[in-house]
Protein backbone atom coordinates (compact mmCIF):
# COMPACT_ATOMS: atom_id res chain seq x y z
CA MET A 1 0.04 0.06 0.09
CA ASP A 2 1.04 3.47 -0.66
CA VAL A 3 3.36 4.98 2.00
CA LEU A 4 1.09 8.22 2.39
CA VAL A 5 -2.18 6.05 2.53
CA GLU A 6 -0.63 3.88 4.95
CA ASN A 7 0.50 6.70 7.39
CA ALA A 8 -2.80 8.50 7.21
CA LEU A 9 -4.54 5.11 8.37
CA ARG A 10 -2.13 4.33 10.86
CA LYS A 11 -2.33 7.91 12.53
CA TYR A 12 -6.17 7.62 12.70
CA PHE A 13 -5.77 4.51 14.63
CA ALA A 14 -3.41 6.02 17.04
CA GLU A 15 -5.53 9.13 17.45
CA ASN A 16 -8.79 7.22 17.57
CA LEU A 17 -8.30 3.49 18.74
CA ALA A 18 -4.77 2.98 20.27
CA SER A 19 -5.80 4.13 23.89
CA LYS A 20 -8.88 1.92 24.05
CA GLY A 21 -7.99 -1.18 25.60
CA LYS A 22 -5.43 -3.68 24.37
CA THR A 23 -5.33 -3.17 20.59
CA LYS A 24 -2.95 -3.83 17.50
CA TYR A 25 -3.15 -2.38 14.08
CA LEU A 26 -3.88 -5.26 11.44
CA ASN A 27 -4.30 -3.79 7.93
CA PHE A 28 -6.79 -1.74 5.96
CA GLU A 29 -9.75 -3.70 4.21
CA PRO A 30 -10.97 -1.83 1.02
CA ASP A 31 -14.64 -1.59 0.36
CA ASP A 32 -16.35 -3.46 -2.61
CA GLY A 33 -15.79 -1.12 -5.25
CA ALA A 34 -13.81 0.93 -3.31
CA LYS A 35 -11.57 2.58 -6.09
CA GLY A 36 -12.70 4.98 -8.26
CA VAL A 37 -12.40 8.84 -9.60
CA ASP A 38 -13.33 11.56 -7.51
CA GLY A 39 -13.39 14.87 -9.65
CA ARG A 40 -10.91 15.37 -12.29
CA THR A 41 -7.96 15.92 -9.78
CA SER A 42 -7.96 12.94 -7.76
CA ASP A 43 -8.83 9.47 -7.23
CA TYR A 44 -10.49 7.67 -4.03
CA LEU A 45 -10.05 4.56 -1.82
CA SER A 46 -12.50 3.52 0.79
CA GLY A 47 -12.55 0.99 3.26
CA LYS A 48 -12.20 -0.13 6.94
CA ILE A 49 -9.11 -0.71 9.08
CA ARG A 50 -8.99 -4.20 11.07
CA TYR A 51 -7.55 -4.04 14.27
CA GLU A 52 -7.36 -6.40 17.22
CA LYS A 53 -8.62 -5.34 20.65
CA ASP A 54 -8.54 -7.74 23.54
CA GLY A 55 -7.73 -10.61 21.54
CA GLU A 56 -10.66 -10.00 19.00
CA VAL A 57 -10.53 -8.63 15.49
CA CYS A 58 -12.61 -5.70 14.80
CA THR A 59 -13.01 -3.00 11.82
CA THR A 60 -13.54 0.56 12.21
CA GLN A 61 -16.26 2.73 10.34
CA SER A 62 -15.69 2.72 6.61
CA LEU A 63 -13.31 5.61 5.77
CA PHE A 64 -12.88 7.37 2.52
CA LEU A 65 -9.12 8.54 1.23
CA LYS A 66 -9.04 11.08 -1.55
CA LEU A 67 -6.07 10.47 -3.00
CA MET A 68 -4.04 13.30 -5.30
CA LYS A 69 -2.72 12.29 -8.50
CA ASP A 70 1.01 12.43 -9.35
CA SER A 71 0.54 14.58 -12.54
CA LYS A 72 2.95 17.14 -13.90
CA SER A 73 0.69 18.22 -16.90
CA SER A 74 -2.22 16.76 -18.63
CA GLN A 75 -4.59 17.50 -21.41
CA MET A 76 -8.21 18.03 -20.97
CA SER A 77 -10.64 19.15 -23.28
CA LYS A 78 -7.88 20.60 -25.80
CA ILE A 79 -6.72 22.80 -22.70
CA GLU A 80 -3.06 22.45 -21.47
CA ILE A 81 -2.98 22.08 -17.89
CA PRO A 82 -0.04 23.47 -16.45
CA LYS A 83 2.42 21.53 -14.00
CA GLY A 84 1.34 21.88 -10.22
CA PHE A 85 -2.46 22.22 -11.13
CA PHE A 86 -3.77 19.36 -9.56
CA THR A 87 -1.50 19.77 -6.70
CA ALA A 88 -3.04 23.44 -6.48
CA THR A 89 -6.38 22.28 -6.37
CA PHE A 90 -5.63 19.33 -3.86
CA ASN A 91 -4.09 22.07 -1.86
CA ASN A 92 -7.22 24.06 -1.46
CA GLU A 93 -8.74 21.14 -0.10
CA VAL A 94 -6.32 20.64 2.27
CA LEU A 95 -6.20 23.99 3.36
CA PHE A 96 -9.89 24.29 3.56
CA TYR A 97 -10.15 20.94 6.07
CA SER A 98 -6.79 21.42 7.91
CA VAL A 99 -6.41 25.51 8.38
CA MET A 100 -9.81 27.23 7.37
CA LYS A 101 -12.45 24.90 8.77
CA PRO A 102 -10.75 24.67 12.56
CA PHE A 103 -10.84 28.40 12.16
CA LEU A 104 -14.44 28.93 11.29
CA ASP A 105 -15.40 25.94 14.05
CA THR A 106 -14.23 28.42 16.77
CA PHE A 107 -17.36 30.31 15.94
CA LYS A 108 -19.65 27.12 15.63
CA PRO A 109 -18.91 23.44 14.68
CA MET A 110 -19.81 23.20 11.03
CA ASP A 111 -19.44 19.39 10.98
CA ASN A 112 -23.38 19.25 10.28
CA LEU A 113 -22.19 20.54 6.62
CA LEU A 114 -19.17 18.47 6.07
CA PRO A 115 -17.73 14.73 6.23
CA LYS A 116 -15.63 14.83 9.30
CA PHE A 117 -12.06 15.35 8.66
CA HIS A 118 -9.14 13.08 9.98
CA ASN A 119 -5.81 13.91 8.91
CA ILE A 120 -3.87 14.84 5.66
CA GLN A 121 -0.47 13.15 4.75
CA MET A 122 1.47 14.96 1.73
CA ASP A 123 4.57 14.35 -0.31
CA ILE A 124 5.29 17.41 -2.40
CA THR A 125 8.80 17.65 -4.13
CA VAL A 126 10.23 18.94 -7.36
CA ASN A 127 9.55 15.70 -9.11
CA VAL A 128 6.69 14.11 -6.77
CA ASN A 129 3.18 15.62 -5.85
CA ASN A 130 1.28 13.05 -3.69
CA GLY A 131 -1.44 13.25 -0.92
CA ALA A 132 -3.83 11.38 0.96
CA LEU A 133 -6.79 12.90 2.61
CA LEU A 134 -8.62 10.77 5.23
CA LEU A 135 -12.55 11.49 5.91
CA ASP A 136 -15.25 9.51 7.32
CA ASN A 137 -16.89 7.63 4.31
CA LEU A 138 -20.48 8.97 4.03
CA ARG A 139 -21.04 6.98 0.83
CA ASN A 140 -22.12 3.85 2.53
CA SER A 141 -24.30 5.43 5.24
CA GLU A 142 -27.56 7.11 4.99
CA PHE A 143 -26.12 9.93 2.77
CA VAL A 144 -26.38 8.87 -0.82
CA PRO A 145 -25.45 10.76 -4.10
CA CYS A 146 -28.27 12.45 -6.29
CA LYS A 147 -28.18 12.50 -10.36
CA GLN A 148 -28.76 16.18 -11.47
CA SER A 149 -31.30 14.46 -13.40
CA ASP A 150 -33.44 13.93 -10.16
CA ILE A 151 -32.90 17.08 -8.65
CA GLU A 152 -36.44 18.20 -7.76
CA TYR A 153 -37.55 21.40 -6.20
CA ASN A 154 -37.42 20.32 -2.55
CA HIS A 155 -33.38 19.26 -2.92
CA LEU A 156 -32.87 22.92 -4.34
CA VAL A 157 -34.64 24.29 -1.37
CA LEU A 158 -32.27 22.20 1.33
CA LEU A 159 -29.32 23.22 -0.92
CA MET A 160 -29.90 26.69 -0.81
CA ARG A 161 -30.61 26.75 2.80
CA LYS A 162 -27.20 24.95 3.56
CA LEU A 163 -25.37 27.37 1.20
CA GLY A 164 -26.79 30.12 2.96
CA GLU A 165 -25.64 28.42 6.34
CA PHE A 166 -22.27 27.67 5.07
CA HIS A 167 -22.06 31.37 3.94
CA ALA A 168 -23.05 32.66 6.98
CA TYR A 169 -19.46 31.57 8.47
CA SER A 170 -17.68 33.92 6.44
CA PHE A 171 -19.94 36.87 7.53
CA TYR A 172 -19.56 36.10 11.25
CA ALA A 173 -15.44 35.40 10.49
CA LYS A 174 -15.67 39.04 8.87
CA LYS A 175 -17.22 40.79 12.04
CA LYS A 176 -15.16 38.84 14.52
CA HIS A 177 -12.04 38.61 12.91
CA PRO A 178 -11.69 39.94 9.80
CA SER A 179 -7.68 40.24 9.09
CA GLN A 180 -7.54 36.53 9.93
CA PHE A 181 -10.44 35.42 7.81
CA PHE A 182 -8.97 37.37 4.63
CA ILE A 183 -5.55 35.95 5.39
CA LEU A 184 -6.71 32.30 5.44
CA GLY A 185 -8.72 33.01 2.35
CA GLY A 186 -5.81 34.50 0.77
CA PHE A 187 -3.86 31.25 0.42
CA PHE A 188 -6.72 29.47 -1.80
CA THR A 189 -5.52 28.89 -5.35
CA GLU A 190 -7.55 29.74 -8.60
CA ALA A 191 -8.72 26.59 -9.79
CA HIS A 192 -9.38 27.44 -13.37
CA CYS A 193 -6.76 25.89 -15.91
CA LEU A 194 -6.75 29.21 -18.06
CA ASP A 195 -4.85 32.30 -17.26
CA PRO A 196 -6.90 35.46 -17.21
CA PRO A 197 -5.24 36.42 -20.63
CA LEU A 198 -6.25 33.14 -22.32
CA TYR A 199 -9.82 33.61 -20.90
CA LYS A 200 -9.88 37.00 -22.30
CA ILE A 201 -9.54 35.55 -25.80
CA TRP A 202 -11.53 32.38 -25.22
CA LEU A 203 -14.59 34.48 -23.53
CA ARG A 204 -14.70 36.90 -26.56
CA GLN A 205 -14.97 34.26 -28.98
CA ARG A 206 -17.28 32.21 -26.99
CA MET A 207 -19.91 35.22 -26.47
CA GLU A 208 -19.87 35.54 -30.25
CA VAL A 209 -20.82 32.20 -30.89
CA ALA A 210 -23.38 32.31 -28.27
CA LEU A 211 -25.06 35.48 -29.45
CA LYS A 212 -25.38 34.84 -33.00
CA PRO A 213 -28.47 32.69 -32.56
CA LEU A 214 -30.54 35.52 -30.96
CA GLU A 215 -29.33 38.62 -33.60
CA ASN A 216 -32.41 37.59 -35.85
CA ASP A 217 -34.70 37.14 -32.89
CA SER A 218 -36.99 40.70 -32.28
CA GLN A 219 -37.58 39.32 -28.70
CA TYR A 220 -34.04 39.42 -27.47
CA SER A 221 -32.99 42.78 -29.58
CA ALA A 222 -33.23 45.29 -26.90
CA GLY A 223 -31.38 43.38 -24.41
CA LEU A 224 -29.11 41.93 -27.02
CA SER A 225 -27.38 45.45 -27.46
CA LYS A 226 -26.87 45.68 -23.67
CA ILE A 227 -25.13 42.29 -23.62
CA LYS A 228 -22.82 43.18 -26.45
CA GLN A 229 -21.67 46.45 -24.65
CA LEU A 230 -21.21 43.98 -21.76
CA THR A 231 -18.81 41.64 -23.92
CA GLU A 232 -16.85 44.48 -24.85
CA ASP A 233 -15.70 45.21 -21.36
CA ILE A 234 -14.33 41.59 -20.98
CA GLU A 235 -11.52 42.81 -18.66
CA GLY A 236 -14.07 43.88 -16.26
CA ILE A 237 -15.92 40.52 -16.20
CA LEU A 238 -12.61 38.82 -15.74
CA SER A 239 -11.51 41.17 -12.96
CA GLN A 240 -14.91 40.78 -11.02
CA HIS A 241 -14.10 37.15 -11.29
CA PHE A 242 -10.26 36.55 -10.60
CA LYS A 243 -9.70 39.88 -8.70
CA VAL A 244 -12.57 39.65 -5.48
CA ASP A 245 -12.97 42.77 -3.82
CA LYS A 246 -12.37 42.27 -0.05
CA THR A 247 -14.44 45.02 0.65
CA SER A 248 -17.48 43.77 -0.85
CA GLU A 249 -20.23 43.04 1.56
CA THR A 250 -20.86 39.98 -0.58
CA THR A 251 -17.54 38.74 -0.60
CA VAL A 252 -17.61 35.32 1.08
CA LEU A 253 -15.44 31.96 1.14
CA ALA A 254 -17.02 30.36 -1.94
CA HIS A 255 -17.43 26.85 -2.51
CA ARG A 256 -17.66 27.27 -6.35
CA ALA A 257 -18.75 23.49 -7.37
CA CYS A 258 -22.23 22.98 -5.55
CA ARG A 259 -23.09 20.88 -7.82
CA SER A 260 -24.86 17.56 -7.58
CA GLU A 261 -22.20 15.45 -8.15
CA ASN A 262 -20.39 16.84 -4.88
CA ILE A 263 -23.32 16.64 -2.58
CA LEU A 264 -24.68 13.76 -0.72
CA PHE A 265 -28.34 13.67 0.59
CA SER A 266 -29.88 11.90 3.00
CA TYR A 267 -33.96 11.27 3.09
CA LYS A 268 -36.67 10.83 5.36
CA ASN A 269 -40.03 9.57 4.06
CA GLY A 270 -38.83 9.89 0.35
CA LYS A 271 -37.94 13.37 0.86
CA PRO A 272 -34.17 15.04 1.40
CA ASN A 273 -34.06 16.06 4.92
CA ASP A 274 -30.45 16.68 5.21
CA LEU A 275 -27.01 16.75 2.84
CA LYS A 276 -23.10 16.96 2.82
CA LEU A 277 -20.95 19.18 0.91
CA LEU A 278 -17.68 17.58 -0.68
CA ASP A 279 -15.09 18.42 -2.77
CA TRP A 280 -13.42 21.75 -1.70
CA GLN A 281 -10.98 21.94 -4.39
CA THR A 282 -12.32 25.09 -6.14
CA CYS A 283 -13.03 26.97 -3.03
CA LYS A 284 -11.94 30.62 -2.91
CA LEU A 285 -12.77 33.87 -1.90
CA ASN A 286 -15.38 35.12 -4.21
CA TYR A 287 -18.78 36.45 -4.51
CA LEU A 288 -21.84 34.93 -2.96
CA GLY A 289 -23.81 35.13 -6.17
CA ILE A 290 -21.46 32.84 -7.75
CA ASP A 291 -22.54 29.81 -5.78
CA ILE A 292 -26.09 30.65 -6.00
CA LEU A 293 -25.89 31.11 -9.68
CA LEU A 294 -24.09 27.76 -10.20
CA ILE A 295 -27.13 26.08 -8.46
CA LEU A 296 -29.59 27.99 -10.09
CA TYR A 297 -27.98 27.32 -13.63
CA LEU A 298 -26.49 24.17 -13.48
CA GLU A 299 -28.97 22.15 -11.12
CA ALA A 300 -32.44 24.03 -11.48
CA SER A 301 -34.51 23.29 -14.67
CA GLN A 302 -35.59 26.20 -16.74
CA GLN A 303 -39.13 25.86 -15.32
CA ILE A 304 -37.92 26.08 -12.27
CA ARG A 305 -35.68 29.02 -12.72
CA ASN A 306 -38.66 30.81 -14.51
CA GLU A 307 -41.09 29.94 -11.64
CA LYS A 308 -39.13 29.55 -8.17
CA TRP A 309 -36.04 32.15 -8.96
CA ASN A 310 -36.91 34.48 -6.09
CA ASN A 311 -37.94 31.79 -4.19
CA LEU A 312 -34.80 29.81 -3.95
CA ILE A 313 -32.94 32.91 -3.22
CA ASP A 314 -35.09 33.50 -0.29
CA GLU A 315 -34.41 29.96 0.71
CA TYR A 316 -30.63 30.98 0.74
CA TYR A 317 -31.49 34.01 2.84
CA VAL A 318 -33.22 31.84 5.73
CA GLY A 319 -29.84 29.67 6.09
CA LEU A 320 -27.97 33.05 6.08
CA SER A 321 -29.76 34.66 8.58
CA GLN A 322 -30.73 31.71 11.26
CA THR A 323 -27.24 30.38 11.53
CA PHE A 324 -25.77 32.96 13.98
CA THR A 325 -28.10 35.66 15.69
CA ASP A 326 -25.78 38.36 16.21
CA ASN A 327 -24.41 38.04 12.58
CA VAL A 328 -23.95 41.21 10.13
CA ILE A 329 -25.27 40.16 6.45
CA PRO A 330 -26.30 41.85 3.39
CA SER A 331 -30.23 42.47 3.41
CA LYS A 332 -32.43 40.29 1.29
CA GLU A 333 -32.70 43.12 -1.44
CA ALA A 334 -28.96 43.22 -1.77
CA ILE A 335 -28.54 39.24 -2.08
CA HIS A 336 -31.20 39.50 -4.93
CA LYS A 337 -29.32 42.09 -6.78
CA GLU A 338 -25.91 40.79 -6.22
CA VAL A 339 -27.31 37.60 -7.96
CA ILE A 340 -28.21 39.39 -10.92
CA ASN A 341 -25.03 41.42 -11.16
CA ARG A 342 -23.21 37.96 -10.94
CA ILE A 343 -24.77 36.42 -13.94
CA PRO A 344 -22.01 37.62 -16.58
CA SER A 345 -19.35 36.02 -14.15
CA ILE A 346 -20.91 32.83 -14.19
CA ILE A 347 -20.47 32.54 -17.87
CA ILE A 348 -16.72 31.91 -17.10
CA MET A 349 -17.52 29.21 -14.56
CA PHE A 350 -19.17 27.42 -17.55
CA GLY A 351 -15.92 27.77 -19.69
CA GLN A 352 -14.05 24.59 -19.00
CA LYS A 353 -17.13 22.21 -18.87
CA TYR A 354 -18.35 23.56 -22.27
CA TYR A 355 -15.07 24.31 -24.01
CA LYS A 356 -15.70 21.39 -26.18
CA LYS A 357 -18.66 21.55 -29.10
CA GLU A 358 -21.57 20.29 -27.36
CA LYS A 359 -22.98 16.88 -29.40
CA ASN A 360 -26.56 18.71 -29.62
CA GLU A 361 -25.71 21.82 -31.42
CA ASN A 362 -28.93 23.53 -31.08
CA CYS A 363 -28.67 23.62 -27.23
CA ASP A 364 -25.72 26.12 -26.75
CA PRO A 365 -25.57 26.60 -22.66
CA ILE A 366 -24.32 29.91 -22.82
CA THR A 367 -26.86 31.24 -25.10
CA GLU A 368 -29.48 29.85 -22.87
CA ILE A 369 -27.79 31.90 -20.24
CA VAL A 370 -27.61 34.94 -22.19
CA LYS A 371 -31.34 34.56 -22.83
CA ASP A 372 -32.04 34.12 -19.04
CA MET A 373 -29.86 37.38 -18.53
CA ILE A 374 -31.86 39.76 -20.93
CA ASN A 375 -35.04 38.36 -19.53
CA ARG A 376 -33.98 39.46 -15.83
CA MET A 377 -32.67 42.72 -17.07
């Protein structure tokens, strides 16, 4: 077994089991189907530690090991991924669990939002980039994944409330210890593969393609001119996204990947009643509207957006306002306005996912966002 994995498991054993009676570490027993791919930057392994206690063989609860790939460079969707990219994104998750979460936990433990973190083992040198992150494995418990096609309105209500609850920690930290919050938040690395100059070229070309189908549609003619003016200020869009204003009242530590593939739900009587947020590789200081919009555009159907847009943002405000009784947060009206203002930035978040031409040429996701933008102006 990999040395880092073995070290992570033995450290877990030493901290949680070694002092409980006469115990001896035996081995790690992988779950069925324990190996897999977790996102594009890491693999995973799950299973139980077998150990001897007072002469009897026992096993721990299932544990989840997130493993960083040793990748110096790679190809993804025709984009050259720079050396160190995988290390940087994995480091974001390490920073979140080992540095930022303990800081936020001082205000109120946030374990109800996340799987329990145990330890991290890393080997970072000039030629080797390896890491093993050890967490509780929720996939074998009452928490289960939910496909995007199965996401319904009640899932979105719960997700929005939990997102508001998570963002509430940022506002409370800004109130109590702003300097420390922004210092720690500044350690997180931008997880996009493309640098801003390359994004500028890509975004200009991508918007030209996305706007073309709307040019002869009178329904969008008035709004289209505003959108074209917006695309002429590509630098402004990129600046908002990559250079976050720390003085903005809507700046938070954003997850930036609140998608069904990164969420585990639990159910009661067939309805979702709790969830856990996974995959913190893209988290970074950003605007709260980015996280909200990723849910509205990537998880909600067009019908739900049309009918429940305001309702879902209100649900976010419920979670935001109820987490801490003495918090300082933006008004509900300010949050609604913030979401609308950040719609142009969400196009950047779609960049890598839709870098390749879609199989269905009649369904351009960015065109659909632009149409939605015009309707909400």
